[in-house]
Amino acid sequence: MAKNWKIYTKTGDKGNTSLIGGRRVPKYHIRIEAYGTVDELNAFVGLIRDQKIDEHSSEVLLEIQNCLFIMESVLAKDEKASSRALPELREEDVILLEKEIDRMNEQLPKLTSFVLPGGHPTVSMCHVARTVCRRAERLVIKLNEEYAVQPVTMQYLNRLSDYFFVLARKFTSDFGLDELLWKPHF
């Protein structure tokens, strides 16, 4: 019988947490910031999936959540202290996003202006996910300056933010709404 995980351990009460491998670091450590932001993104993806959306988009979003969870575990691993094998993102994961972006773009009107976030709660959630994804990408790039991060991780986040932008446009179209175009003042 599997052992139940204890939800609270009290080991983080003084502001430290463990990386995979056991090394304790402050909760503001760049690794924690990076995988914590990916976790935040994962929660927003779940929120989008909970909306009334088409089944295909829901399935792709579930695959994205699985990839983000893989990314979180890889970012949480202390390479010096852990030889534990973890699942990894693959080039195919990036290619899936590219194919989905291309598929959705084929059905959308040509983009002629910047698009403002909003117009529908689901569309807005996609834009929130896009911006959280960009923040996660910046943190992972910063992490990579100190600790090597697999290039596919940065590629995935870069493509994923593009995916959320196009997904927002797709949902705008699906819901029969007009895009909110930026009208700059000159």
N, C-alpha and C. Protein backbone atom coordinates (compact mmCIF):
# COMPACT_ATOMS: atom_id res chain seq x y z
N MET A 1 0.84 -1.18 0.00
CA MET A 1 0.00 0.00 0.00
C MET A 1 0.89 1.24 0.00
N ALA A 2 0.51 2.21 -0.82
CA ALA A 2 1.29 3.44 -0.95
C ALA A 2 1.19 4.28 0.31
N LYS A 3 2.31 4.89 0.65
CA LYS A 3 2.35 5.76 1.82
C LYS A 3 1.68 7.09 1.47
N ASN A 4 0.85 7.60 2.37
CA ASN A 4 0.22 8.90 2.16
C ASN A 4 1.26 10.00 2.32
N TRP A 5 1.20 10.99 1.46
CA TRP A 5 2.08 12.14 1.56
C TRP A 5 1.55 13.07 2.63
N LYS A 6 2.42 13.51 3.47
CA LYS A 6 2.04 14.49 4.48
C LYS A 6 2.05 15.86 3.81
N ILE A 7 0.96 16.59 3.93
CA ILE A 7 0.84 17.88 3.26
C ILE A 7 1.73 18.94 3.91
N TYR A 8 1.80 18.95 5.20
CA TYR A 8 2.67 19.92 5.85
C TYR A 8 3.80 19.17 6.56
N THR A 9 5.00 19.75 6.46
CA THR A 9 6.17 19.12 7.07
C THR A 9 6.81 20.01 8.13
N LYS A 10 6.49 21.28 8.10
CA LYS A 10 7.04 22.29 9.01
C LYS A 10 8.51 22.59 8.73
N THR A 11 9.10 21.95 7.71
CA THR A 11 10.51 22.17 7.41
C THR A 11 10.75 23.51 6.71
N GLY A 12 9.71 24.13 6.19
CA GLY A 12 9.86 25.40 5.51
C GLY A 12 9.44 26.59 6.34
N ASP A 13 9.17 26.37 7.60
CA ASP A 13 8.65 27.44 8.45
C ASP A 13 9.63 28.59 8.64
N LYS A 14 10.90 28.35 8.40
CA LYS A 14 11.90 29.42 8.59
C LYS A 14 12.38 29.99 7.26
N GLY A 15 11.63 29.70 6.18
CA GLY A 15 11.93 30.35 4.91
C GLY A 15 12.83 29.58 3.98
N ASN A 16 13.06 28.31 4.25
CA ASN A 16 13.87 27.47 3.36
C ASN A 16 13.04 26.32 2.83
N THR A 17 13.48 25.76 1.72
CA THR A 17 12.84 24.59 1.15
C THR A 17 13.91 23.72 0.52
N SER A 18 13.53 22.50 0.17
CA SER A 18 14.49 21.56 -0.41
C SER A 18 14.31 21.46 -1.91
N LEU A 19 15.44 21.39 -2.60
CA LEU A 19 15.44 21.05 -4.01
C LEU A 19 15.39 19.53 -4.13
N ILE A 20 15.07 19.03 -5.31
CA ILE A 20 15.17 17.59 -5.53
C ILE A 20 16.65 17.24 -5.43
N GLY A 21 16.99 16.43 -4.49
CA GLY A 21 18.37 16.13 -4.17
C GLY A 21 18.67 16.45 -2.72
N GLY A 22 17.78 17.23 -2.09
CA GLY A 22 17.87 17.47 -0.66
C GLY A 22 18.50 18.77 -0.22
N ARG A 23 19.22 19.46 -1.11
CA ARG A 23 19.87 20.71 -0.70
C ARG A 23 18.80 21.74 -0.32
N ARG A 24 18.99 22.40 0.82
CA ARG A 24 18.07 23.42 1.30
C ARG A 24 18.49 24.77 0.74
N VAL A 25 17.52 25.53 0.28
CA VAL A 25 17.77 26.86 -0.25
C VAL A 25 16.67 27.80 0.25
N PRO A 26 16.94 29.11 0.24
CA PRO A 26 15.89 30.06 0.63
C PRO A 26 14.72 29.99 -0.38
N LYS A 27 13.54 30.28 0.10
CA LYS A 27 12.36 30.20 -0.77
C LYS A 27 12.37 31.25 -1.87
N TYR A 28 13.28 32.22 -1.79
CA TYR A 28 13.41 33.21 -2.86
C TYR A 28 14.52 32.86 -3.84
N HIS A 29 15.14 31.69 -3.69
CA HIS A 29 16.20 31.22 -4.60
C HIS A 29 15.68 31.24 -6.04
N ILE A 30 16.56 31.52 -6.98
CA ILE A 30 16.16 31.64 -8.38
C ILE A 30 15.49 30.36 -8.89
N ARG A 31 15.93 29.20 -8.42
CA ARG A 31 15.27 27.95 -8.84
C ARG A 31 13.81 27.94 -8.37
N ILE A 32 13.60 28.36 -7.13
CA ILE A 32 12.25 28.36 -6.57
C ILE A 32 11.39 29.39 -7.29
N GLU A 33 11.96 30.56 -7.58
CA GLU A 33 11.23 31.58 -8.35
C GLU A 33 10.84 31.03 -9.72
N ALA A 34 11.76 30.34 -10.37
CA ALA A 34 11.50 29.83 -11.72
C ALA A 34 10.42 28.75 -11.70
N TYR A 35 10.61 27.70 -10.88
CA TYR A 35 9.60 26.64 -10.93
C TYR A 35 8.30 27.06 -10.26
N GLY A 36 8.37 28.00 -9.32
CA GLY A 36 7.14 28.51 -8.72
C GLY A 36 6.30 29.30 -9.72
N THR A 37 6.96 30.03 -10.60
CA THR A 37 6.24 30.77 -11.64
C THR A 37 5.67 29.82 -12.68
N VAL A 38 6.39 28.76 -13.00
CA VAL A 38 5.84 27.74 -13.90
C VAL A 38 4.63 27.08 -13.25
N ASP A 39 4.69 26.86 -11.93
CA ASP A 39 3.54 26.30 -11.22
C ASP A 39 2.34 27.26 -11.27
N GLU A 40 2.60 28.54 -11.10
CA GLU A 40 1.54 29.55 -11.23
C GLU A 40 0.92 29.48 -12.62
N LEU A 41 1.76 29.39 -13.64
CA LEU A 41 1.27 29.27 -15.01
C LEU A 41 0.41 28.03 -15.17
N ASN A 42 0.86 26.92 -14.59
CA ASN A 42 0.12 25.66 -14.68
C ASN A 42 -1.28 25.82 -14.08
N ALA A 43 -1.39 26.57 -12.99
CA ALA A 43 -2.69 26.80 -12.37
C ALA A 43 -3.59 27.62 -13.29
N PHE A 44 -3.04 28.62 -13.97
CA PHE A 44 -3.83 29.40 -14.92
C PHE A 44 -4.28 28.55 -16.10
N VAL A 45 -3.42 27.64 -16.54
CA VAL A 45 -3.81 26.75 -17.64
C VAL A 45 -4.99 25.89 -17.20
N GLY A 46 -4.96 25.41 -15.96
CA GLY A 46 -6.10 24.66 -15.44
C GLY A 46 -7.37 25.49 -15.42
N LEU A 47 -7.25 26.76 -15.09
CA LEU A 47 -8.40 27.65 -15.09
C LEU A 47 -8.98 27.82 -16.50
N ILE A 48 -8.11 27.93 -17.49
CA ILE A 48 -8.58 28.01 -18.89
C ILE A 48 -9.29 26.72 -19.26
N ARG A 49 -8.70 25.59 -18.90
CA ARG A 49 -9.31 24.29 -19.21
C ARG A 49 -10.69 24.14 -18.57
N ASP A 50 -10.92 24.79 -17.45
CA ASP A 50 -12.20 24.70 -16.75
C ASP A 50 -13.31 25.51 -17.40
N GLN A 51 -12.97 26.30 -18.42
CA GLN A 51 -13.97 27.12 -19.10
C GLN A 51 -14.70 26.27 -20.14
N LYS A 52 -15.76 26.83 -20.69
CA LYS A 52 -16.51 26.16 -21.76
C LYS A 52 -15.77 26.38 -23.07
N ILE A 53 -14.87 25.45 -23.37
CA ILE A 53 -14.05 25.52 -24.58
C ILE A 53 -14.18 24.20 -25.33
N ASP A 54 -13.68 24.19 -26.56
CA ASP A 54 -13.77 22.98 -27.37
C ASP A 54 -12.88 21.88 -26.80
N GLU A 55 -13.25 20.65 -27.10
CA GLU A 55 -12.56 19.49 -26.55
C GLU A 55 -11.10 19.42 -26.98
N HIS A 56 -10.82 19.75 -28.25
CA HIS A 56 -9.43 19.69 -28.73
C HIS A 56 -8.55 20.65 -27.93
N SER A 57 -9.00 21.88 -27.74
CA SER A 57 -8.20 22.84 -26.97
C SER A 57 -7.99 22.35 -25.55
N SER A 58 -9.03 21.77 -24.96
CA SER A 58 -8.92 21.23 -23.60
C SER A 58 -7.87 20.12 -23.54
N GLU A 59 -7.84 19.25 -24.54
CA GLU A 59 -6.85 18.16 -24.57
C GLU A 59 -5.44 18.70 -24.73
N VAL A 60 -5.25 19.70 -25.58
CA VAL A 60 -3.93 20.30 -25.77
C VAL A 60 -3.49 20.98 -24.48
N LEU A 61 -4.40 21.67 -23.82
CA LEU A 61 -4.07 22.33 -22.56
C LEU A 61 -3.68 21.32 -21.48
N LEU A 62 -4.32 20.16 -21.47
CA LEU A 62 -3.95 19.12 -20.52
C LEU A 62 -2.53 18.62 -20.81
N GLU A 63 -2.19 18.47 -22.08
CA GLU A 63 -0.83 18.07 -22.45
C GLU A 63 0.17 19.14 -22.02
N ILE A 64 -0.21 20.40 -22.19
CA ILE A 64 0.65 21.51 -21.75
C ILE A 64 0.86 21.44 -20.24
N GLN A 65 -0.20 21.16 -19.48
CA GLN A 65 -0.06 21.05 -18.03
C GLN A 65 0.92 19.94 -17.65
N ASN A 66 0.85 18.83 -18.34
CA ASN A 66 1.79 17.75 -18.07
C ASN A 66 3.22 18.19 -18.36
N CYS A 67 3.42 18.90 -19.47
CA CYS A 67 4.76 19.40 -19.82
C CYS A 67 5.25 20.41 -18.79
N LEU A 68 4.36 21.26 -18.32
CA LEU A 68 4.76 22.24 -17.30
C LEU A 68 5.16 21.56 -16.00
N PHE A 69 4.46 20.47 -15.66
CA PHE A 69 4.82 19.74 -14.44
C PHE A 69 6.19 19.09 -14.60
N ILE A 70 6.47 18.57 -15.78
CA ILE A 70 7.81 18.03 -16.06
C ILE A 70 8.84 19.14 -15.88
N MET A 71 8.54 20.31 -16.46
CA MET A 71 9.46 21.44 -16.37
C MET A 71 9.71 21.83 -14.92
N GLU A 72 8.66 21.86 -14.12
CA GLU A 72 8.81 22.21 -12.70
C GLU A 72 9.78 21.26 -12.02
N SER A 73 9.64 19.97 -12.27
CA SER A 73 10.51 19.00 -11.60
C SER A 73 11.96 19.14 -12.06
N VAL A 74 12.16 19.39 -13.35
CA VAL A 74 13.52 19.57 -13.87
C VAL A 74 14.15 20.82 -13.27
N LEU A 75 13.38 21.90 -13.17
CA LEU A 75 13.90 23.15 -12.60
C LEU A 75 14.18 23.02 -11.11
N ALA A 76 13.48 22.11 -10.43
CA ALA A 76 13.65 21.93 -8.99
C ALA A 76 14.79 20.97 -8.65
N LYS A 77 15.39 20.36 -9.65
CA LYS A 77 16.43 19.36 -9.40
C LYS A 77 17.79 20.03 -9.21
N ASP A 78 18.43 19.69 -8.10
CA ASP A 78 19.79 20.14 -7.83
C ASP A 78 20.73 19.14 -8.51
N GLU A 79 21.28 19.54 -9.63
CA GLU A 79 22.13 18.64 -10.42
C GLU A 79 23.33 18.12 -9.64
N LYS A 80 23.84 18.91 -8.72
CA LYS A 80 25.02 18.50 -7.95
C LYS A 80 24.68 17.47 -6.89
N ALA A 81 23.46 17.48 -6.40
CA ALA A 81 23.10 16.63 -5.26
C ALA A 81 22.18 15.47 -5.63
N SER A 82 21.68 15.43 -6.85
CA SER A 82 20.71 14.40 -7.19
C SER A 82 21.07 13.71 -8.50
N SER A 83 21.08 12.39 -8.45
CA SER A 83 21.27 11.61 -9.68
C SER A 83 19.93 11.01 -10.10
N ARG A 84 18.88 11.41 -9.43
CA ARG A 84 17.54 10.89 -9.70
C ARG A 84 17.11 11.21 -11.13
N ALA A 85 16.65 10.20 -11.82
CA ALA A 85 16.17 10.39 -13.19
C ALA A 85 14.79 11.02 -13.17
N LEU A 86 14.60 12.03 -13.98
CA LEU A 86 13.31 12.71 -14.08
C LEU A 86 12.88 12.75 -15.54
N PRO A 87 11.59 12.83 -15.80
CA PRO A 87 11.15 12.99 -17.18
C PRO A 87 11.67 14.34 -17.71
N GLU A 88 11.80 14.45 -19.01
CA GLU A 88 12.32 15.68 -19.61
C GLU A 88 11.42 16.13 -20.74
N LEU A 89 11.42 17.42 -20.98
CA LEU A 89 10.75 17.93 -22.17
C LEU A 89 11.49 17.45 -23.40
N ARG A 90 10.76 17.33 -24.48
CA ARG A 90 11.35 16.87 -25.73
C ARG A 90 11.09 17.89 -26.83
N GLU A 91 11.86 17.81 -27.86
CA GLU A 91 11.67 18.67 -29.03
C GLU A 91 10.25 18.50 -29.58
N GLU A 92 9.69 17.29 -29.47
CA GLU A 92 8.33 17.03 -29.96
C GLU A 92 7.29 17.88 -29.22
N ASP A 93 7.59 18.22 -27.98
CA ASP A 93 6.67 19.05 -27.20
C ASP A 93 6.61 20.47 -27.78
N VAL A 94 7.76 20.98 -28.20
CA VAL A 94 7.82 22.29 -28.85
C VAL A 94 7.12 22.22 -30.20
N ILE A 95 7.36 21.16 -30.94
CA ILE A 95 6.75 20.99 -32.27
C ILE A 95 5.23 20.92 -32.17
N LEU A 96 4.71 20.28 -31.13
CA LEU A 96 3.26 20.24 -30.94
C LEU A 96 2.70 21.65 -30.82
N LEU A 97 3.36 22.49 -30.04
CA LEU A 97 2.89 23.88 -29.90
C LEU A 97 2.92 24.60 -31.24
N GLU A 98 3.99 24.41 -32.00
CA GLU A 98 4.10 25.06 -33.30
C GLU A 98 2.99 24.61 -34.25
N LYS A 99 2.71 23.32 -34.24
CA LYS A 99 1.63 22.80 -35.10
C LYS A 99 0.28 23.36 -34.68
N GLU A 100 0.05 23.46 -33.38
CA GLU A 100 -1.21 24.02 -32.88
C GLU A 100 -1.35 25.50 -33.24
N ILE A 101 -0.26 26.24 -33.10
CA ILE A 101 -0.27 27.66 -33.48
C ILE A 101 -0.61 27.79 -34.96
N ASP A 102 0.06 27.02 -35.80
CA ASP A 102 -0.18 27.07 -37.25
C ASP A 102 -1.62 26.68 -37.58
N ARG A 103 -2.13 25.64 -36.93
CA ARG A 103 -3.49 25.17 -37.19
C ARG A 103 -4.51 26.25 -36.85
N MET A 104 -4.33 26.88 -35.69
CA MET A 104 -5.27 27.92 -35.29
C MET A 104 -5.15 29.15 -36.19
N ASN A 105 -3.92 29.53 -36.53
CA ASN A 105 -3.71 30.71 -37.36
C ASN A 105 -4.35 30.59 -38.73
N GLU A 106 -4.42 29.37 -39.26
CA GLU A 106 -5.04 29.16 -40.58
C GLU A 106 -6.50 29.61 -40.59
N GLN A 107 -7.16 29.56 -39.43
CA GLN A 107 -8.58 29.88 -39.33
C GLN A 107 -8.84 31.33 -38.89
N LEU A 108 -7.78 32.08 -38.60
CA LEU A 108 -7.95 33.42 -38.04
C LEU A 108 -7.67 34.50 -39.08
N PRO A 109 -8.30 35.66 -38.92
CA PRO A 109 -8.00 36.77 -39.83
C PRO A 109 -6.56 37.23 -39.65
N LYS A 110 -6.03 37.82 -40.71
CA LYS A 110 -4.66 38.33 -40.67
C LYS A 110 -4.55 39.38 -39.56
N LEU A 111 -3.46 39.33 -38.84
CA LEU A 111 -3.22 40.26 -37.76
C LEU A 111 -2.66 41.56 -38.33
N THR A 112 -3.34 42.68 -38.09
CA THR A 112 -2.92 43.98 -38.66
C THR A 112 -2.58 45.01 -37.59
N SER A 113 -2.77 44.65 -36.33
CA SER A 113 -2.55 45.59 -35.24
C SER A 113 -2.26 44.79 -33.97
N PHE A 114 -1.73 45.46 -32.98
CA PHE A 114 -1.62 44.84 -31.67
C PHE A 114 -3.03 44.61 -31.13
N VAL A 115 -3.19 43.52 -30.39
CA VAL A 115 -4.49 43.17 -29.81
C VAL A 115 -4.44 43.44 -28.32
N LEU A 116 -5.47 44.13 -27.83
CA LEU A 116 -5.56 44.37 -26.40
C LEU A 116 -6.19 43.17 -25.71
N PRO A 117 -5.69 42.77 -24.54
CA PRO A 117 -6.31 41.68 -23.81
C PRO A 117 -7.73 42.04 -23.40
N GLY A 118 -8.60 41.07 -23.43
CA GLY A 118 -9.96 41.28 -22.94
C GLY A 118 -11.02 40.90 -23.95
N GLY A 119 -12.24 41.20 -23.60
CA GLY A 119 -13.38 40.92 -24.46
C GLY A 119 -14.23 39.76 -23.99
N HIS A 120 -13.62 38.87 -23.23
CA HIS A 120 -14.32 37.70 -22.70
C HIS A 120 -13.43 37.11 -21.60
N PRO A 121 -14.01 36.60 -20.51
CA PRO A 121 -13.18 36.06 -19.42
C PRO A 121 -12.18 34.99 -19.89
N THR A 122 -12.59 34.11 -20.78
CA THR A 122 -11.67 33.05 -21.25
C THR A 122 -10.53 33.64 -22.05
N VAL A 123 -10.83 34.63 -22.89
CA VAL A 123 -9.79 35.30 -23.67
C VAL A 123 -8.81 36.00 -22.73
N SER A 124 -9.35 36.67 -21.72
CA SER A 124 -8.49 37.36 -20.76
C SER A 124 -7.60 36.38 -20.01
N MET A 125 -8.14 35.21 -19.66
CA MET A 125 -7.34 34.19 -18.98
C MET A 125 -6.17 33.74 -19.84
N CYS A 126 -6.40 33.63 -21.14
CA CYS A 126 -5.31 33.26 -22.06
C CYS A 126 -4.21 34.32 -22.05
N HIS A 127 -4.62 35.59 -22.00
CA HIS A 127 -3.62 36.66 -21.96
C HIS A 127 -2.88 36.68 -20.63
N VAL A 128 -3.57 36.39 -19.54
CA VAL A 128 -2.88 36.29 -18.24
C VAL A 128 -1.87 35.14 -18.30
N ALA A 129 -2.27 34.00 -18.85
CA ALA A 129 -1.36 32.87 -18.98
C ALA A 129 -0.16 33.25 -19.84
N ARG A 130 -0.40 34.01 -20.91
CA ARG A 130 0.69 34.46 -21.80
C ARG A 130 1.69 35.30 -21.02
N THR A 131 1.20 36.22 -20.20
CA THR A 131 2.12 37.11 -19.48
C THR A 131 2.85 36.38 -18.35
N VAL A 132 2.18 35.46 -17.68
CA VAL A 132 2.85 34.66 -16.66
C VAL A 132 3.91 33.77 -17.32
N CYS A 133 3.59 33.26 -18.50
CA CYS A 133 4.54 32.44 -19.25
C CYS A 133 5.79 33.25 -19.60
N ARG A 134 5.59 34.49 -20.01
CA ARG A 134 6.74 35.35 -20.34
C ARG A 134 7.60 35.61 -19.09
N ARG A 135 6.94 35.79 -17.95
CA ARG A 135 7.69 35.99 -16.70
C ARG A 135 8.48 34.72 -16.37
N ALA A 136 7.84 33.56 -16.52
CA ALA A 136 8.54 32.29 -16.27
C ALA A 136 9.74 32.16 -17.21
N GLU A 137 9.55 32.55 -18.45
CA GLU A 137 10.65 32.48 -19.43
C GLU A 137 11.82 33.37 -18.98
N ARG A 138 11.51 34.59 -18.56
CA ARG A 138 12.58 35.49 -18.10
C ARG A 138 13.33 34.90 -16.91
N LEU A 139 12.60 34.30 -15.99
CA LEU A 139 13.24 33.72 -14.80
C LEU A 139 14.09 32.50 -15.17
N VAL A 140 13.61 31.70 -16.09
CA VAL A 140 14.39 30.52 -16.52
C VAL A 140 15.65 30.97 -17.25
N ILE A 141 15.56 32.01 -18.06
CA ILE A 141 16.75 32.54 -18.74
C ILE A 141 17.75 33.05 -17.70
N LYS A 142 17.25 33.73 -16.68
CA LYS A 142 18.12 34.20 -15.61
C LYS A 142 18.74 33.02 -14.85
N LEU A 143 17.94 32.00 -14.57
CA LEU A 143 18.45 30.80 -13.92
C LEU A 143 19.56 30.17 -14.75
N ASN A 144 19.38 30.17 -16.06
CA ASN A 144 20.36 29.57 -16.97
C ASN A 144 21.72 30.26 -16.91
N GLU A 145 21.76 31.51 -16.48
CA GLU A 145 23.03 32.21 -16.35
C GLU A 145 23.88 31.63 -15.22
N GLU A 146 23.21 31.03 -14.24
CA GLU A 146 23.92 30.48 -13.08
C GLU A 146 23.95 28.95 -13.07
N TYR A 147 22.87 28.34 -13.54
CA TYR A 147 22.73 26.88 -13.57
C TYR A 147 22.24 26.49 -14.96
N ALA A 148 22.89 25.53 -15.56
CA ALA A 148 22.52 25.14 -16.93
C ALA A 148 21.08 24.63 -17.00
N VAL A 149 20.34 25.19 -17.92
CA VAL A 149 18.96 24.77 -18.20
C VAL A 149 18.94 24.24 -19.62
N GLN A 150 18.26 23.14 -19.82
CA GLN A 150 18.18 22.57 -21.16
C GLN A 150 17.54 23.58 -22.11
N PRO A 151 18.13 23.78 -23.29
CA PRO A 151 17.58 24.74 -24.25
C PRO A 151 16.11 24.49 -24.59
N VAL A 152 15.68 23.24 -24.59
CA VAL A 152 14.29 22.94 -24.93
C VAL A 152 13.33 23.57 -23.92
N THR A 153 13.77 23.76 -22.69
CA THR A 153 12.92 24.39 -21.68
C THR A 153 12.63 25.84 -22.07
N MET A 154 13.66 26.56 -22.47
CA MET A 154 13.47 27.96 -22.88
C MET A 154 12.68 28.04 -24.19
N GLN A 155 12.95 27.13 -25.11
CA GLN A 155 12.19 27.10 -26.37
C GLN A 155 10.71 26.85 -26.10
N TYR A 156 10.43 25.92 -25.20
CA TYR A 156 9.05 25.58 -24.90
C TYR A 156 8.31 26.79 -24.34
N LEU A 157 8.90 27.47 -23.39
CA LEU A 157 8.24 28.64 -22.81
C LEU A 157 8.05 29.75 -23.84
N ASN A 158 9.03 29.94 -24.69
CA ASN A 158 8.91 30.96 -25.73
C ASN A 158 7.75 30.64 -26.66
N ARG A 159 7.67 29.40 -27.10
CA ARG A 159 6.59 28.99 -28.00
C ARG A 159 5.24 28.99 -27.29
N LEU A 160 5.25 28.62 -26.00
CA LEU A 160 4.01 28.53 -25.25
C LEU A 160 3.34 29.90 -25.11
N SER A 161 4.12 30.94 -24.89
CA SER A 161 3.50 32.28 -24.79
C SER A 161 2.86 32.66 -26.12
N ASP A 162 3.50 32.30 -27.24
CA ASP A 162 2.90 32.52 -28.55
C ASP A 162 1.60 31.72 -28.69
N TYR A 163 1.62 30.50 -28.20
CA TYR A 163 0.43 29.65 -28.26
C TYR A 163 -0.74 30.32 -27.53
N PHE A 164 -0.49 30.86 -26.33
CA PHE A 164 -1.57 31.49 -25.58
C PHE A 164 -2.11 32.72 -26.29
N PHE A 165 -1.24 33.47 -26.97
CA PHE A 165 -1.71 34.63 -27.73
C PHE A 165 -2.66 34.18 -28.84
N VAL A 166 -2.25 33.17 -29.58
CA VAL A 166 -3.08 32.68 -30.69
C VAL A 166 -4.34 32.01 -30.15
N LEU A 167 -4.23 31.30 -29.02
CA LEU A 167 -5.41 30.69 -28.41
C LEU A 167 -6.43 31.76 -28.01
N ALA A 168 -5.96 32.87 -27.49
CA ALA A 168 -6.86 33.98 -27.14
C ALA A 168 -7.58 34.48 -28.39
N ARG A 169 -6.85 34.60 -29.49
CA ARG A 169 -7.48 35.04 -30.75
C ARG A 169 -8.49 34.00 -31.23
N LYS A 170 -8.15 32.71 -31.10
CA LYS A 170 -9.06 31.64 -31.52
C LYS A 170 -10.36 31.69 -30.71
N PHE A 171 -10.23 31.83 -29.39
CA PHE A 171 -11.43 31.89 -28.56
C PHE A 171 -12.26 33.14 -28.87
N THR A 172 -11.60 34.25 -29.16
CA THR A 172 -12.33 35.46 -29.58
C THR A 172 -13.18 35.14 -30.79
N SER A 173 -12.59 34.45 -31.74
CA SER A 173 -13.33 34.05 -32.95
C SER A 173 -14.42 33.04 -32.63
N ASP A 174 -14.09 32.02 -31.84
CA ASP A 174 -15.06 30.98 -31.47
C ASP A 174 -16.29 31.58 -30.80
N PHE A 175 -16.07 32.61 -29.98
CA PHE A 175 -17.18 33.22 -29.23
C PHE A 175 -17.89 34.29 -30.05
N GLY A 176 -17.47 34.49 -31.32
CA GLY A 176 -18.12 35.45 -32.20
C GLY A 176 -17.88 36.90 -31.79
N LEU A 177 -16.74 37.18 -31.21
CA LEU A 177 -16.42 38.52 -30.74
C LEU A 177 -15.46 39.22 -31.69
N ASP A 178 -15.42 40.53 -31.61
CA ASP A 178 -14.43 41.31 -32.34
C ASP A 178 -13.20 41.47 -31.48
N GLU A 179 -12.03 41.40 -32.12
CA GLU A 179 -10.81 41.63 -31.38
C GLU A 179 -10.72 43.09 -30.96
N LEU A 180 -10.19 43.32 -29.79
CA LEU A 180 -9.96 44.67 -29.30
C LEU A 180 -8.60 45.12 -29.81
N LEU A 181 -8.59 45.98 -30.81
CA LEU A 181 -7.34 46.41 -31.42
C LEU A 181 -6.81 47.66 -30.74
N TRP A 182 -5.51 47.71 -30.62
CA TRP A 182 -4.84 48.86 -30.03
C TRP A 182 -4.98 50.05 -30.96
N LYS A 183 -5.39 51.17 -30.41
CA LYS A 183 -5.52 52.40 -31.18
C LYS A 183 -4.61 53.45 -30.52
N PRO A 184 -3.37 53.53 -31.01
CA PRO A 184 -2.42 54.46 -30.37
C PRO A 184 -2.81 55.91 -30.63
N HIS A 185 -2.46 56.76 -29.67
CA HIS A 185 -2.69 58.21 -29.82
C HIS A 185 -1.41 58.83 -30.36
N PHE A 186 -1.57 59.58 -31.44
CA PHE A 186 -0.41 60.29 -32.01
C PHE A 186 -0.59 61.77 -31.91
